[in-house]
Amino acid sequence: MGLIFDTPLIEGIIQKRSNRFIMQVELEGTIYNCHCPTTGRIGNIVLEGIPCLLSKDAGTTRNPPLTVEAISLDLPTTAKKNMDWNKSKCRKPL
């Protein structure tokens, strides 16, 4: 089972959750503020240091332009937990 996104996702590592809307994510050695669509708690998951997948909001002036779409509960190449099933660019698994 997998998710289909309209654009390729970018792999990053969550450094911390600054507040309920922003996660700081490392991409290629640089830390970026990224939008977190889930504003509440995400279970009892410690987010620091875990892999995530990001989408880039191309062609808009939204700040921040990156959104955390999924986090990994295992190794980076295994199952991901989707952060926002209701986004228009994300379709449910086939």
C-alpha atoms as a PDB file:
ATOM      1  CA  MET A   1       0.000   0.000   0.000  1.00  0.00           C
ATOM      2  CA  GLY A   2       1.407   3.405  -0.906  1.00  0.00           C
ATOM      3  CA  LEU A   3       0.449   7.012  -1.379  1.00  0.00           C
ATOM      4  CA  ILE A   4       0.535   8.868  -4.659  1.00  0.00           C
ATOM      5  CA  PHE A   5       1.677  12.502  -4.672  1.00  0.00           C
ATOM      6  CA  ASP A   6       1.585  14.837  -7.648  1.00  0.00           C
ATOM      7  CA  THR A   7       5.240  15.829  -7.200  1.00  0.00           C
ATOM      8  CA  PRO A   8       8.249  13.890  -5.854  1.00  0.00           C
ATOM      9  CA  LEU A   9       8.737  14.141  -2.099  1.00  0.00           C
ATOM     10  CA  ILE A  10      11.963  15.241  -0.437  1.00  0.00           C
ATOM     11  CA  GLU A  11      13.584  13.225   2.372  1.00  0.00           C
ATOM     12  CA  GLY A  12      14.640  15.055   5.526  1.00  0.00           C
ATOM     13  CA  ILE A  13      15.325  14.513   9.230  1.00  0.00           C
ATOM     14  CA  ILE A  14      13.141  16.196  11.844  1.00  0.00           C
ATOM     15  CA  GLN A  15      15.253  18.159  14.311  1.00  0.00           C
ATOM     16  CA  LYS A  16      12.458  19.470  16.526  1.00  0.00           C
ATOM     17  CA  ARG A  17       8.905  20.719  16.585  1.00  0.00           C
ATOM     18  CA  SER A  18       9.120  24.452  17.262  1.00  0.00           C
ATOM     19  CA  ASN A  19       5.409  24.875  17.831  1.00  0.00           C
ATOM     20  CA  ARG A  20       2.203  23.170  16.764  1.00  0.00           C
ATOM     21  CA  PHE A  21       2.472  24.514  13.193  1.00  0.00           C
ATOM     22  CA  ILE A  22       6.248  24.315  12.508  1.00  0.00           C
ATOM     23  CA  MET A  23       8.815  21.502  12.464  1.00  0.00           C
ATOM     24  CA  GLN A  24      12.488  22.179  11.913  1.00  0.00           C
ATOM     25  CA  VAL A  25      13.786  19.689   9.359  1.00  0.00           C
ATOM     26  CA  GLU A  26      17.339  19.099   8.147  1.00  0.00           C
ATOM     27  CA  LEU A  27      17.831  18.820   4.385  1.00  0.00           C
ATOM     28  CA  GLU A  28      21.367  18.283   3.110  1.00  0.00           C
ATOM     29  CA  GLY A  29      22.914  19.895   6.177  1.00  0.00           C
ATOM     30  CA  THR A  30      20.603  22.934   6.319  1.00  0.00           C
ATOM     31  CA  ILE A  31      17.726  23.385   8.790  1.00  0.00           C
ATOM     32  CA  TYR A  32      14.399  24.585   7.331  1.00  0.00           C
ATOM     33  CA  ASN A  33      11.146  25.578   8.995  1.00  0.00           C
ATOM     34  CA  CYS A  34       8.430  23.323   7.565  1.00  0.00           C
ATOM     35  CA  HIS A  35       4.655  23.409   7.922  1.00  0.00           C
ATOM     36  CA  CYS A  36       3.125  20.646  10.056  1.00  0.00           C
ATOM     37  CA  PRO A  37      -0.514  19.967   9.009  1.00  0.00           C
ATOM     38  CA  THR A  38      -1.192  18.027  12.225  1.00  0.00           C
ATOM     39  CA  THR A  39      -1.409  20.701  14.914  1.00  0.00           C
ATOM     40  CA  GLY A  40      -2.145  18.338  17.805  1.00  0.00           C
ATOM     41  CA  ARG A  41      -0.044  15.615  19.371  1.00  0.00           C
ATOM     42  CA  ILE A  42       1.073  12.805  17.094  1.00  0.00           C
ATOM     43  CA  GLY A  43       0.636  10.022  19.609  1.00  0.00           C
ATOM     44  CA  ASN A  44       3.565   9.635  21.992  1.00  0.00           C
ATOM     45  CA  ILE A  45       6.100   9.817  19.175  1.00  0.00           C
ATOM     46  CA  VAL A  46       9.400  11.564  19.892  1.00  0.00           C
ATOM     47  CA  LEU A  47       9.911  13.396  16.608  1.00  0.00           C
ATOM     48  CA  GLU A  48      13.529  14.497  16.987  1.00  0.00           C
ATOM     49  CA  GLY A  49      15.894  12.620  14.689  1.00  0.00           C
ATOM     50  CA  ILE A  50      13.332  10.659  12.702  1.00  0.00           C
ATOM     51  CA  PRO A  51      13.111  10.685   8.896  1.00  0.00           C
ATOM     52  CA  CYS A  52      10.279  12.476   7.141  1.00  0.00           C
ATOM     53  CA  LEU A  53       9.010  13.230   3.652  1.00  0.00           C
ATOM     54  CA  LEU A  54       8.352  16.806   2.534  1.00  0.00           C
ATOM     55  CA  SER A  55       6.482  18.429  -0.308  1.00  0.00           C
ATOM     56  CA  LYS A  56       7.468  21.783  -1.753  1.00  0.00           C
ATOM     57  CA  ASP A  57       4.690  24.257  -2.483  1.00  0.00           C
ATOM     58  CA  ALA A  58       5.922  25.421  -5.881  1.00  0.00           C
ATOM     59  CA  GLY A  59       4.795  28.680  -7.387  1.00  0.00           C
ATOM     60  CA  THR A  60       3.345  30.248  -4.253  1.00  0.00           C
ATOM     61  CA  THR A  61       4.582  32.675  -1.652  1.00  0.00           C
ATOM     62  CA  ARG A  62       3.389  30.576   1.286  1.00  0.00           C
ATOM     63  CA  ASN A  63       5.727  30.691   4.243  1.00  0.00           C
ATOM     64  CA  PRO A  64       7.062  28.136   4.915  1.00  0.00           C
ATOM     65  CA  PRO A  65       7.051  26.577   1.430  1.00  0.00           C
ATOM     66  CA  LEU A  66       7.797  23.036   2.694  1.00  0.00           C
ATOM     67  CA  THR A  67       5.196  20.738   4.304  1.00  0.00           C
ATOM     68  CA  VAL A  68       5.875  17.576   6.301  1.00  0.00           C
ATOM     69  CA  GLU A  69       3.721  14.974   4.524  1.00  0.00           C
ATOM     70  CA  ALA A  70       4.801  11.806   6.336  1.00  0.00           C
ATOM     71  CA  ILE A  71       7.069  10.622   9.115  1.00  0.00           C
ATOM     72  CA  SER A  72       8.854   7.300   9.396  1.00  0.00           C
ATOM     73  CA  LEU A  73       8.189   5.075  12.358  1.00  0.00           C
ATOM     74  CA  ASP A  74      10.868   2.629  11.187  1.00  0.00           C
ATOM     75  CA  LEU A  75      13.897   2.830   8.926  1.00  0.00           C
ATOM     76  CA  PRO A  76      13.786   5.538   6.221  1.00  0.00           C
ATOM     77  CA  THR A  77      12.843   3.095   3.441  1.00  0.00           C
ATOM     78  CA  THR A  78       9.934   1.386   5.264  1.00  0.00           C
ATOM     79  CA  ALA A  79       6.414   2.334   6.326  1.00  0.00           C
ATOM     80  CA  LYS A  80       5.497   6.000   6.730  1.00  0.00           C
ATOM     81  CA  LYS A  81       2.701   7.523   8.794  1.00  0.00           C
ATOM     82  CA  ASN A  82       0.749  10.017   6.707  1.00  0.00           C
ATOM     83  CA  MET A  83       0.325  13.447   8.287  1.00  0.00           C
ATOM     84  CA  ASP A  84      -2.640  14.735   6.283  1.00  0.00           C
ATOM     85  CA  TRP A  85      -4.987  12.386   4.403  1.00  0.00           C
ATOM     86  CA  ASN A  86      -7.300  15.217   3.384  1.00  0.00           C
ATOM     87  CA  LYS A  87      -4.914  17.284   1.262  1.00  0.00           C
ATOM     88  CA  SER A  88      -6.023  17.562  -2.333  1.00  0.00           C
ATOM     89  CA  LYS A  89      -2.607  16.579  -3.706  1.00  0.00           C
ATOM     90  CA  CYS A  90      -2.548  13.381  -1.648  1.00  0.00           C
ATOM     91  CA  ARG A  91      -4.743  10.495  -2.679  1.00  0.00           C
ATOM     92  CA  LYS A  92      -5.521   7.550  -0.434  1.00  0.00           C
ATOM     93  CA  PRO A  93      -3.622   4.287  -1.052  1.00  0.00           C
ATOM     94  CA  LEU A  94      -4.546   2.197  -4.061  1.00  0.00           C
END
